[in-house]
Amino acid sequence: MTESFARRARAEAATPASSGAIRHILVLETDAEGHPREWLEHLAAFAAGAPQQLVVSLLVAADMCVHLTAGLSAADRDKVRVVPLRALERWLCTRRFLTLAAFARWWVMRRYLRRTGAQAGHFLSLDLLCVPLALGLGMGGKPVSGILFRPSVHYAGIGPYRPSLPERMRDLRKTVLYRLMLLNRDVRAVLSLDPYFPDYARRRYRHGGKVQAIPDPAYPGVSRRGPDAAGAATSTGRISFVLFGYLTERKGLLVLLDALDRINPALSSRIAITVAGRIDPALRQQVAERVRRIGDLRPALSLRVDDRWLPADELDSLILANDVVLAPYQRFVGSSGVLLWAARAGLPLLTQDFGLLGRLVRDHKLGLTADTTDPDSLAAGIERMVTEGPRSFVEPVAARSFVADRTPHDFASMVIRSLQCGERQCGERDAMNAP
C-alpha cells in the first residue's frame, strides 16, 4: 500500500459508516476468470462514472490487478482503487478445504476494511461466507453484503423437485445457515441471482427482507439474429446445436454424447452438433471413446469437437452460426451465463427441467427443458427441436425483455445500493421488482 493510499485510508477510517452515507465500499473477489472478471469490470466502470464522493476499492488477485488497472484512466484511479491480495491471503481464500477458505475470506475482508478505511464491504460470492456469518462473526460494526449463487431450499416451489438424500441434507444445512446469517447485525443485504428466492426468504426467515434479487448481467457482445436468420449448418438442411464453455461432467458433456447415439437414425442426417471449449482433462479419454462410438452408430450425424478456449469474439460468431444452444446441466443449482448468451442471440436453449434454469426457460419462453440426466430424455428433446423447428421454442419478444432487464449498469448499481439502504427500504424495493 502506498503512503498516499494509506493517508487516504486513515482519513476515511475516521468517518464511521454510522455517521452518514456510505462513500467507500470494499469489494472482495479471489477468482481471476469467468464471471467474476466481468463483474469486476462492471463495478469499475460504474464507480468511475459515479459521483465524486463514491470510492470503490477492489481487493483482487494480483493478476487481476493488472487487467483492471489497465482499463482505468488517471482520473478514475481516485474513485476505483485496485488492491492486490497477498499471495498467502489468496492461497488461504482458495483452498479446497472450504471451511478454511470461508474463514480466510471473512478474516481478509475484516482486515482490509480496517486497512483501506472502507465503510462497508461486499463479497462477489457469499455462499462460502454463510458459515462464519451464521456463527455471528462480524466486521467490526461495518455492514457487508454479498451475492448468493446457490439457494436451493425453495426449489420445491418453483418446479419439479424430487431431492435425493444428499440434496435434502444440503438444503437442511442451507436453511440453518441462512436463518442464522440473516440474524447477523453486520449483514446488510444478501443479493440473490435467483429472483424467486427473495419472496421465499421474506415469508420464511426473520430478517428475510435483507434478501434482494439482483440480475445476472448480460455481458455486451452477441449481436441479435434477425427473425429469418439461420445457422451456418442449415444451408445443408441440418439443424445446428452448440455446447460451449469449460466442459465438465457437471455440464452434461458425457450425457449429451450418450444421447447422440440414441437419436433416431432417420433424423441423424438433419443434425449438426458442435462442442466447443476446453474439456476437463479427466474426461478427455471418455469423450474420445464416445465420439468414436457415435461415428460408428450414427455416421450421418455431424459432430465436431473443438477442445480449446475460445475468445469472446469467436464465441459470438459461433453462437450466431447455430440454431440451438445446449446446456444439459446435471441438476445444477443457480443461474448460468449460457442462458443469457442464448437469449441475447435470440436462440432457444435446450436445458435441464430442474431448478432455476428450468423455471426461467419456462417463464420467459426461452427454449425447451428436459430431464438432462437421462440420455433418452435429452435425445427426445433434440429430436423435438429438429422435427418441430427451433423457432417454435423461443419467443423473441420475451427473450429481448429478459435480457433488457439485465444490464451491467443495473447490476453494479444494485451492488452499491445494497449497502446504502436499510433492510426495510431494500425489501420494499425488491418486492416491487419481484417476478
Protein backbone atom coordinates (compact mmCIF):
# COMPACT_ATOMS: atom_id res chain seq x y z
CA MET A 1 0.00 0.00 0.00
CA THR A 2 1.47 3.35 -1.00
CA GLU A 3 1.92 6.18 1.51
CA SER A 4 -0.75 8.32 -0.20
CA PHE A 5 -3.18 5.42 -0.21
CA ALA A 6 -2.51 4.84 3.48
CA ARG A 7 -3.14 8.52 4.28
CA ARG A 8 -6.48 8.41 2.45
CA ALA A 9 -7.40 5.23 4.28
CA ARG A 10 -6.66 6.74 7.69
CA ALA A 11 -8.72 9.82 6.88
CA GLU A 12 -11.68 7.77 5.70
CA ALA A 13 -11.48 5.42 8.68
CA ALA A 14 -12.05 8.43 10.92
CA THR A 15 -15.57 8.73 9.45
CA PRO A 16 -17.60 5.72 10.63
CA ALA A 17 -20.40 4.27 8.50
CA SER A 18 -22.97 5.19 11.09
CA SER A 19 -22.27 8.89 10.68
CA GLY A 20 -23.90 9.18 7.30
CA ALA A 21 -23.87 7.88 3.75
CA ILE A 22 -21.61 5.03 2.71
CA ARG A 23 -18.97 6.64 0.49
CA HIS A 24 -16.25 3.96 0.36
CA ILE A 25 -17.02 0.30 -0.40
CA LEU A 26 -14.52 -2.57 -0.45
CA VAL A 27 -15.26 -5.47 -2.85
CA LEU A 28 -13.51 -8.82 -2.32
CA GLU A 29 -13.06 -11.36 -5.13
CA THR A 30 -10.39 -14.04 -5.13
CA ASP A 31 -11.02 -15.57 -8.58
CA ALA A 32 -9.50 -14.18 -11.76
CA GLU A 33 -11.51 -15.90 -14.51
CA GLY A 34 -15.09 -16.33 -15.67
CA HIS A 35 -17.96 -14.17 -14.49
CA PRO A 36 -16.02 -12.55 -11.56
CA ARG A 37 -13.75 -10.96 -14.16
CA GLU A 38 -16.74 -9.49 -15.98
CA TRP A 39 -18.45 -8.36 -12.77
CA LEU A 40 -15.35 -6.56 -11.54
CA GLU A 41 -15.18 -4.74 -14.87
CA HIS A 42 -18.83 -3.69 -14.45
CA LEU A 43 -18.19 -2.38 -10.94
CA ALA A 44 -15.06 -0.49 -12.01
CA ALA A 45 -16.90 1.14 -14.92
CA PHE A 46 -19.84 2.10 -12.71
CA ALA A 47 -17.64 3.56 -9.97
CA ALA A 48 -15.57 5.51 -12.49
CA GLY A 49 -18.73 7.23 -13.73
CA ALA A 50 -20.32 7.70 -10.30
CA PRO A 51 -20.40 10.97 -8.33
CA GLN A 52 -17.03 12.02 -6.93
CA GLN A 53 -17.92 11.13 -3.35
CA LEU A 54 -18.19 7.37 -4.06
CA VAL A 55 -14.98 5.31 -3.83
CA VAL A 56 -14.85 1.58 -4.63
CA SER A 57 -11.80 -0.46 -3.65
CA LEU A 58 -11.43 -3.78 -5.48
CA LEU A 59 -9.49 -6.35 -3.45
CA VAL A 60 -8.46 -8.94 -6.03
CA ALA A 61 -5.79 -11.40 -7.13
CA ALA A 62 -2.53 -9.83 -8.29
CA ASP A 63 -3.00 -10.89 -11.93
CA MET A 64 -6.48 -9.35 -11.93
CA CYS A 65 -5.00 -6.06 -10.69
CA VAL A 66 -3.04 -5.66 -13.92
CA HIS A 67 -6.15 -6.24 -16.03
CA LEU A 68 -8.38 -3.86 -14.06
CA THR A 69 -5.79 -1.09 -13.70
CA ALA A 70 -5.11 -1.11 -17.46
CA GLY A 71 -8.71 -0.07 -18.10
CA LEU A 72 -8.64 2.93 -15.76
CA SER A 73 -7.64 6.47 -16.62
CA ALA A 74 -5.53 8.51 -14.20
CA ALA A 75 -8.65 10.44 -13.19
CA ASP A 76 -10.54 7.22 -12.46
CA ARG A 77 -7.97 5.89 -10.01
CA ASP A 78 -9.13 8.06 -7.13
CA LYS A 79 -12.61 6.55 -7.49
CA VAL A 80 -11.55 2.99 -8.28
CA ARG A 81 -8.69 1.69 -6.15
CA VAL A 82 -7.34 -1.71 -7.13
CA VAL A 83 -5.76 -3.51 -4.17
CA PRO A 84 -3.80 -6.77 -4.66
CA LEU A 85 -4.26 -9.70 -2.34
CA ARG A 86 -1.03 -11.04 -0.92
CA ALA A 87 -0.03 -14.49 -2.15
CA LEU A 88 -0.69 -16.14 1.22
CA GLU A 89 -4.07 -14.42 1.57
CA ARG A 90 -5.22 -15.64 -1.81
CA TRP A 91 -3.85 -19.13 -1.15
CA LEU A 92 -5.88 -19.36 2.06
CA CYS A 93 -9.03 -17.99 0.43
CA THR A 94 -8.97 -20.51 -2.42
CA ARG A 95 -8.32 -23.77 -0.54
CA ARG A 96 -10.41 -26.80 -1.45
CA PHE A 97 -11.00 -27.26 2.27
CA LEU A 98 -13.98 -24.94 2.09
CA THR A 99 -14.27 -24.22 5.80
CA LEU A 100 -10.71 -22.88 5.81
CA ALA A 101 -11.44 -20.81 2.71
CA ALA A 102 -14.61 -19.41 4.30
CA PHE A 103 -12.92 -18.20 7.48
CA ALA A 104 -9.96 -16.88 5.48
CA ARG A 105 -12.27 -14.72 3.36
CA TRP A 106 -14.01 -13.39 6.48
CA TRP A 107 -10.62 -12.57 8.04
CA VAL A 108 -9.29 -10.92 4.85
CA MET A 109 -12.39 -8.73 4.47
CA ARG A 110 -12.29 -7.63 8.10
CA ARG A 111 -8.55 -6.91 7.85
CA TYR A 112 -8.82 -4.81 4.69
CA LEU A 113 -11.86 -2.90 5.87
CA ARG A 114 -9.54 -1.55 8.55
CA ARG A 115 -6.54 -1.07 6.25
CA THR A 116 -8.37 0.73 3.45
CA GLY A 117 -10.71 2.76 5.63
CA ALA A 118 -13.72 1.45 3.69
CA GLN A 119 -17.04 1.92 5.46
CA ALA A 120 -18.69 -1.24 4.05
CA GLY A 121 -17.74 -4.46 2.31
CA HIS A 122 -19.15 -6.63 -0.46
CA PHE A 123 -18.40 -10.28 -1.32
CA LEU A 124 -18.92 -11.08 -5.00
CA SER A 125 -19.52 -14.66 -3.84
CA LEU A 126 -21.28 -15.03 -0.50
CA ASP A 127 -22.06 -18.77 -0.40
CA LEU A 128 -18.89 -19.79 1.45
CA LEU A 129 -19.25 -16.91 3.92
CA CYS A 130 -22.53 -18.31 5.22
CA VAL A 131 -20.64 -20.35 7.83
CA PRO A 132 -18.67 -17.60 9.64
CA LEU A 133 -21.53 -15.11 9.27
CA ALA A 134 -24.02 -17.66 10.66
CA LEU A 135 -21.74 -18.09 13.66
CA GLY A 136 -22.21 -14.38 14.35
CA LEU A 137 -18.74 -13.26 13.29
CA GLY A 138 -18.95 -9.65 12.23
CA MET A 139 -16.94 -6.95 10.53
CA GLY A 140 -16.25 -4.66 13.45
CA GLY A 141 -19.63 -2.99 13.11
CA LYS A 142 -19.25 -2.26 9.39
CA PRO A 143 -22.04 -3.51 7.09
CA VAL A 144 -21.43 -6.12 4.42
CA SER A 145 -23.43 -7.58 1.55
CA GLY A 146 -22.78 -10.33 -0.95
CA ILE A 147 -24.14 -12.31 -3.88
CA LEU A 148 -25.64 -15.72 -3.10
CA PHE A 149 -25.20 -18.09 -6.04
CA ARG A 150 -26.74 -21.36 -4.91
CA PRO A 151 -30.01 -21.09 -2.97
CA SER A 152 -31.95 -24.32 -3.47
CA VAL A 153 -34.14 -24.53 -0.35
CA HIS A 154 -37.12 -23.15 -2.31
CA TYR A 155 -36.89 -25.43 -5.36
CA ALA A 156 -39.98 -27.46 -4.46
CA GLY A 157 -41.99 -24.29 -5.02
CA ILE A 158 -40.62 -23.34 -8.45
CA GLY A 159 -40.67 -26.59 -10.42
CA PRO A 160 -40.16 -30.37 -10.43
CA TYR A 161 -38.04 -31.31 -7.42
CA ARG A 162 -37.52 -34.79 -6.05
CA PRO A 163 -34.41 -34.30 -3.94
CA SER A 164 -32.05 -37.16 -3.23
CA LEU A 165 -30.93 -37.77 0.36
CA PRO A 166 -27.70 -35.73 -0.15
CA GLU A 167 -29.76 -32.90 -1.64
CA ARG A 168 -32.15 -32.99 1.33
CA MET A 169 -29.22 -32.78 3.73
CA ARG A 170 -27.70 -29.93 1.71
CA ASP A 171 -30.96 -27.97 1.80
CA LEU A 172 -31.37 -28.54 5.54
CA ARG A 173 -27.83 -27.24 6.12
CA LYS A 174 -28.52 -24.18 3.97
CA THR A 175 -31.77 -23.45 5.81
CA VAL A 176 -29.97 -23.37 9.15
CA LEU A 177 -27.12 -21.23 7.80
CA TYR A 178 -29.41 -18.75 6.02
CA ARG A 179 -31.56 -18.25 9.12
CA LEU A 180 -28.55 -17.57 11.32
CA MET A 181 -26.68 -15.46 8.76
CA LEU A 182 -29.65 -13.11 8.37
CA LEU A 183 -29.59 -12.52 12.14
CA ASN A 184 -26.02 -11.21 11.92
CA ARG A 185 -26.21 -7.46 12.55
CA ASP A 186 -23.36 -6.68 10.17
CA VAL A 187 -25.08 -8.41 7.22
CA ARG A 188 -26.84 -5.53 5.45
CA ALA A 189 -28.05 -7.39 2.36
CA VAL A 190 -27.95 -10.80 0.66
CA LEU A 191 -28.25 -10.44 -3.12
CA SER A 192 -29.76 -13.39 -4.97
CA LEU A 193 -29.31 -14.20 -8.65
CA ASP A 194 -32.43 -16.33 -8.25
CA PRO A 195 -35.40 -13.93 -8.50
CA TYR A 196 -37.74 -16.45 -6.82
CA PHE A 197 -35.72 -16.78 -3.60
CA PRO A 198 -36.27 -13.30 -2.02
CA ASP A 199 -40.03 -13.79 -1.68
CA TYR A 200 -39.44 -17.22 -0.11
CA ALA A 201 -36.93 -15.69 2.33
CA ARG A 202 -39.29 -12.88 3.32
CA ARG A 203 -42.03 -15.40 4.12
CA ARG A 204 -39.84 -17.94 5.93
CA TYR A 205 -36.95 -16.16 7.66
CA ARG A 206 -36.65 -13.50 10.31
CA HIS A 207 -34.98 -10.52 8.61
CA GLY A 208 -35.78 -12.16 5.26
CA GLY A 209 -36.20 -8.64 3.89
CA LYS A 210 -32.42 -8.47 3.69
CA VAL A 211 -32.60 -10.87 0.70
CA GLN A 212 -32.89 -8.95 -2.57
CA ALA A 213 -32.95 -10.04 -6.20
CA ILE A 214 -30.10 -8.91 -8.45
CA PRO A 215 -29.97 -9.56 -12.20
CA ASP A 216 -27.23 -11.74 -13.61
CA PRO A 217 -25.81 -9.16 -16.04
CA ALA A 218 -25.83 -9.88 -19.76
CA TYR A 219 -22.34 -9.08 -20.96
CA PRO A 220 -22.28 -6.94 -24.14
CA GLY A 221 -21.22 -8.82 -27.22
CA VAL A 222 -23.54 -11.05 -29.19
CA SER A 223 -25.47 -9.34 -31.96
CA ARG A 224 -29.06 -10.44 -32.25
CA ARG A 225 -30.03 -12.58 -35.22
CA GLY A 226 -32.92 -11.46 -37.32
CA PRO A 227 -36.15 -13.50 -37.22
CA ASP A 228 -35.37 -15.16 -40.53
CA ALA A 229 -31.69 -15.80 -39.90
CA ALA A 230 -30.41 -19.35 -39.94
CA GLY A 231 -27.35 -21.07 -38.59
CA ALA A 232 -24.44 -21.79 -40.91
CA ALA A 233 -25.17 -25.51 -40.88
CA THR A 234 -28.78 -25.13 -42.03
CA SER A 235 -27.63 -24.49 -45.59
CA THR A 236 -27.03 -28.25 -45.66
CA GLY A 237 -30.51 -28.94 -44.32
CA ARG A 238 -29.31 -29.61 -40.79
CA ILE A 239 -30.40 -28.06 -37.50
CA SER A 240 -27.23 -26.97 -35.72
CA PHE A 241 -26.68 -27.25 -31.95
CA VAL A 242 -23.78 -25.84 -29.92
CA LEU A 243 -22.46 -26.68 -26.46
CA PHE A 244 -19.74 -24.29 -25.27
CA GLY A 245 -17.74 -23.25 -22.22
CA TYR A 246 -15.41 -25.11 -19.88
CA LEU A 247 -16.80 -28.59 -20.39
CA THR A 248 -17.07 -30.74 -17.29
CA GLU A 249 -19.20 -33.75 -16.39
CA ARG A 250 -21.48 -31.46 -14.38
CA LYS A 251 -22.26 -29.51 -17.55
CA GLY A 252 -23.59 -32.65 -19.21
CA LEU A 253 -20.97 -33.32 -21.87
CA LEU A 254 -20.93 -37.11 -21.37
CA VAL A 255 -24.73 -37.36 -21.17
CA LEU A 256 -25.01 -35.36 -24.40
CA LEU A 257 -22.66 -37.74 -26.20
CA ASP A 258 -24.60 -40.72 -24.80
CA ALA A 259 -27.81 -39.12 -26.09
CA LEU A 260 -26.46 -38.75 -29.62
CA ASP A 261 -26.17 -42.49 -30.20
CA ARG A 262 -29.85 -42.77 -29.18
CA ILE A 263 -31.05 -40.33 -31.85
CA ASN A 264 -33.50 -41.78 -34.36
CA PRO A 265 -31.28 -42.86 -37.30
CA ALA A 266 -33.79 -41.31 -39.71
CA LEU A 267 -33.09 -37.87 -38.17
CA SER A 268 -29.29 -38.15 -37.92
CA SER A 269 -28.65 -36.54 -41.29
CA ARG A 270 -30.62 -33.46 -40.16
CA ILE A 271 -28.48 -32.79 -37.07
CA ALA A 272 -25.15 -30.98 -36.62
CA ILE A 273 -23.57 -30.80 -33.14
CA THR A 274 -20.64 -28.55 -32.20
CA VAL A 275 -18.87 -29.00 -28.87
CA ALA A 276 -16.55 -26.03 -28.34
CA GLY A 277 -14.44 -25.18 -25.31
CA ARG A 278 -11.79 -26.65 -23.09
CA ILE A 279 -12.69 -30.16 -21.99
CA ASP A 280 -11.91 -31.22 -18.44
CA PRO A 281 -8.72 -33.31 -18.79
CA ALA A 282 -10.30 -36.04 -16.63
CA LEU A 283 -12.97 -36.53 -19.32
CA ARG A 284 -10.90 -36.48 -22.50
CA GLN A 285 -10.48 -40.23 -22.86
CA GLN A 286 -14.17 -40.88 -22.22
CA VAL A 287 -15.11 -38.17 -24.71
CA ALA A 288 -12.84 -39.65 -27.39
CA GLU A 289 -14.35 -43.11 -26.88
CA ARG A 290 -17.91 -41.77 -27.16
CA VAL A 291 -17.11 -39.72 -30.27
CA ARG A 292 -15.75 -42.85 -31.97
CA ARG A 293 -18.86 -44.80 -30.98
CA ILE A 294 -21.18 -42.10 -32.36
CA GLY A 295 -19.24 -42.20 -35.64
CA ASP A 296 -19.88 -45.95 -35.84
CA LEU A 297 -23.54 -45.91 -34.77
CA ARG A 298 -24.71 -42.62 -36.34
CA PRO A 299 -22.39 -41.91 -39.28
CA ALA A 300 -24.87 -39.46 -40.86
CA LEU A 301 -24.84 -37.22 -37.78
CA SER A 302 -22.38 -34.30 -37.97
CA LEU A 303 -20.34 -33.98 -34.76
CA ARG A 304 -17.44 -31.54 -34.30
CA VAL A 305 -15.38 -31.27 -31.09
CA ASP A 306 -13.13 -28.21 -30.70
CA ASP A 307 -11.19 -28.70 -27.45
CA ARG A 308 -9.77 -25.22 -26.78
CA TRP A 309 -10.54 -21.92 -25.11
CA LEU A 310 -12.50 -19.56 -27.40
CA PRO A 311 -12.12 -15.77 -27.16
CA ALA A 312 -15.32 -13.75 -26.80
CA ASP A 313 -15.48 -12.53 -30.40
CA GLU A 314 -15.07 -16.06 -31.76
CA LEU A 315 -17.68 -17.32 -29.34
CA ASP A 316 -20.07 -14.61 -30.59
CA SER A 317 -19.65 -15.82 -34.16
CA LEU A 318 -20.03 -19.45 -33.17
CA ILE A 319 -23.31 -18.86 -31.34
CA LEU A 320 -24.75 -16.84 -34.22
CA ALA A 321 -23.84 -19.64 -36.64
CA ASN A 322 -26.06 -22.13 -34.81
CA ASP A 323 -29.77 -22.70 -34.28
CA VAL A 324 -29.92 -24.06 -30.72
CA VAL A 325 -27.77 -23.57 -27.60
CA LEU A 326 -27.30 -26.68 -25.44
CA ALA A 327 -26.95 -26.51 -21.65
CA PRO A 328 -27.54 -30.10 -20.45
CA TYR A 329 -26.56 -29.41 -16.83
CA GLN A 330 -26.75 -32.23 -14.28
CA ARG A 331 -29.09 -30.95 -11.54
CA PHE A 332 -27.25 -27.64 -11.48
CA VAL A 333 -28.21 -25.18 -8.74
CA GLY A 334 -28.23 -21.49 -9.58
CA SER A 335 -28.03 -19.23 -12.62
CA SER A 336 -25.95 -19.63 -15.78
CA GLY A 337 -24.50 -17.14 -18.22
CA VAL A 338 -25.25 -19.60 -21.05
CA LEU A 339 -28.92 -18.66 -20.71
CA LEU A 340 -28.05 -15.01 -21.31
CA TRP A 341 -25.85 -15.77 -24.33
CA ALA A 342 -28.72 -17.69 -25.93
CA ALA A 343 -31.37 -15.06 -25.14
CA ARG A 344 -29.19 -12.22 -26.46
CA ALA A 345 -28.78 -14.07 -29.74
CA GLY A 346 -32.50 -14.92 -29.92
CA LEU A 347 -31.75 -18.67 -29.89
CA PRO A 348 -33.68 -21.34 -27.98
CA LEU A 349 -31.93 -23.08 -25.10
CA LEU A 350 -32.24 -26.82 -24.51
CA THR A 351 -31.52 -27.31 -20.81
CA GLN A 352 -32.49 -29.07 -17.59
CA ASP A 353 -36.06 -29.02 -16.29
CA PHE A 354 -34.64 -28.72 -12.77
CA GLY A 355 -34.23 -25.67 -10.56
CA LEU A 356 -33.80 -22.04 -11.53
CA LEU A 357 -32.70 -22.65 -15.12
CA GLY A 358 -35.76 -24.74 -15.92
CA ARG A 359 -38.10 -22.21 -14.33
CA LEU A 360 -36.60 -19.23 -16.17
CA VAL A 361 -36.81 -21.01 -19.51
CA ARG A 362 -40.46 -21.90 -18.92
CA ASP A 363 -41.48 -18.50 -17.55
CA HIS A 364 -39.80 -16.45 -20.26
CA LYS A 365 -40.29 -18.83 -23.22
CA LEU A 366 -36.56 -19.17 -23.79
CA GLY A 367 -36.42 -22.74 -25.08
CA LEU A 368 -37.16 -26.34 -24.14
CA THR A 369 -36.50 -28.23 -20.90
CA ALA A 370 -35.86 -31.94 -20.40
CA ASP A 371 -34.52 -34.37 -17.83
CA THR A 372 -30.93 -33.85 -18.94
CA THR A 373 -29.62 -36.50 -16.54
CA ASP A 374 -31.32 -39.11 -18.78
CA PRO A 375 -29.75 -39.61 -22.26
CA ASP A 376 -33.08 -40.84 -23.68
CA SER A 377 -34.90 -37.71 -22.46
CA LEU A 378 -32.17 -35.45 -23.84
CA ALA A 379 -32.23 -37.28 -27.18
CA ALA A 380 -36.01 -36.79 -27.33
CA GLY A 381 -35.53 -33.04 -26.73
CA ILE A 382 -33.02 -32.80 -29.58
CA GLU A 383 -35.41 -34.68 -31.87
CA ARG A 384 -38.26 -32.30 -30.98
CA MET A 385 -36.07 -29.32 -31.88
CA VAL A 386 -35.43 -30.91 -35.28
CA THR A 387 -38.96 -32.05 -36.11
CA GLU A 388 -40.84 -29.02 -34.76
CA GLY A 389 -38.23 -26.38 -35.63
CA PRO A 390 -36.09 -24.38 -33.17
CA ARG A 391 -38.05 -21.16 -33.65
CA SER A 392 -41.18 -22.75 -32.19
CA PHE A 393 -39.48 -22.98 -28.78
CA VAL A 394 -38.40 -19.36 -28.30
CA GLU A 395 -40.46 -16.18 -28.09
CA PRO A 396 -38.25 -13.34 -29.45
CA VAL A 397 -40.11 -10.52 -27.64
CA ALA A 398 -39.87 -12.36 -24.31
CA ALA A 399 -36.18 -13.09 -24.89
CA ARG A 400 -35.46 -9.42 -25.63
CA SER A 401 -37.34 -8.34 -22.50
CA PHE A 402 -35.48 -10.92 -20.40
CA VAL A 403 -32.08 -9.60 -21.48
CA ALA A 404 -33.04 -5.91 -21.40
CA ASP A 405 -33.59 -6.10 -17.64
CA ARG A 406 -30.08 -7.44 -17.03
CA THR A 407 -27.64 -4.67 -17.85
CA PRO A 408 -24.14 -4.36 -16.35
CA HIS A 409 -25.01 -0.86 -15.14
CA ASP A 410 -28.08 -2.06 -13.23
CA PHE A 411 -26.09 -4.92 -11.73
CA ALA A 412 -23.33 -2.62 -10.44
CA SER A 413 -25.84 -0.05 -9.22
CA MET A 414 -27.68 -2.67 -7.17
CA VAL A 415 -24.44 -3.89 -5.57
CA ILE A 416 -23.69 -0.35 -4.41
CA ARG A 417 -27.26 0.40 -3.30
CA SER A 418 -27.43 -2.83 -1.29
CA LEU A 419 -25.05 -1.20 1.18
CA GLN A 420 -26.60 2.25 1.07
CA CYS A 421 -30.17 1.43 2.12
CA GLY A 422 -31.69 -0.22 5.15
CA GLU A 423 -33.42 -3.60 5.25
CA ARG A 424 -36.93 -2.15 5.04
CA GLN A 425 -36.13 0.15 2.10
CA CYS A 426 -34.34 -2.59 0.16
CA GLY A 427 -37.02 -5.14 0.93
CA GLU A 428 -39.79 -2.85 -0.30
CA ARG A 429 -37.88 -2.03 -3.50
CA ASP A 430 -37.19 -5.71 -4.15
CA ALA A 431 -40.87 -6.60 -3.62
CA MET A 432 -41.82 -4.12 -6.35
CA ASN A 433 -39.36 -5.79 -8.75
CA ALA A 434 -40.34 -9.38 -7.94
CA PRO A 435 -41.17 -11.66 -10.92
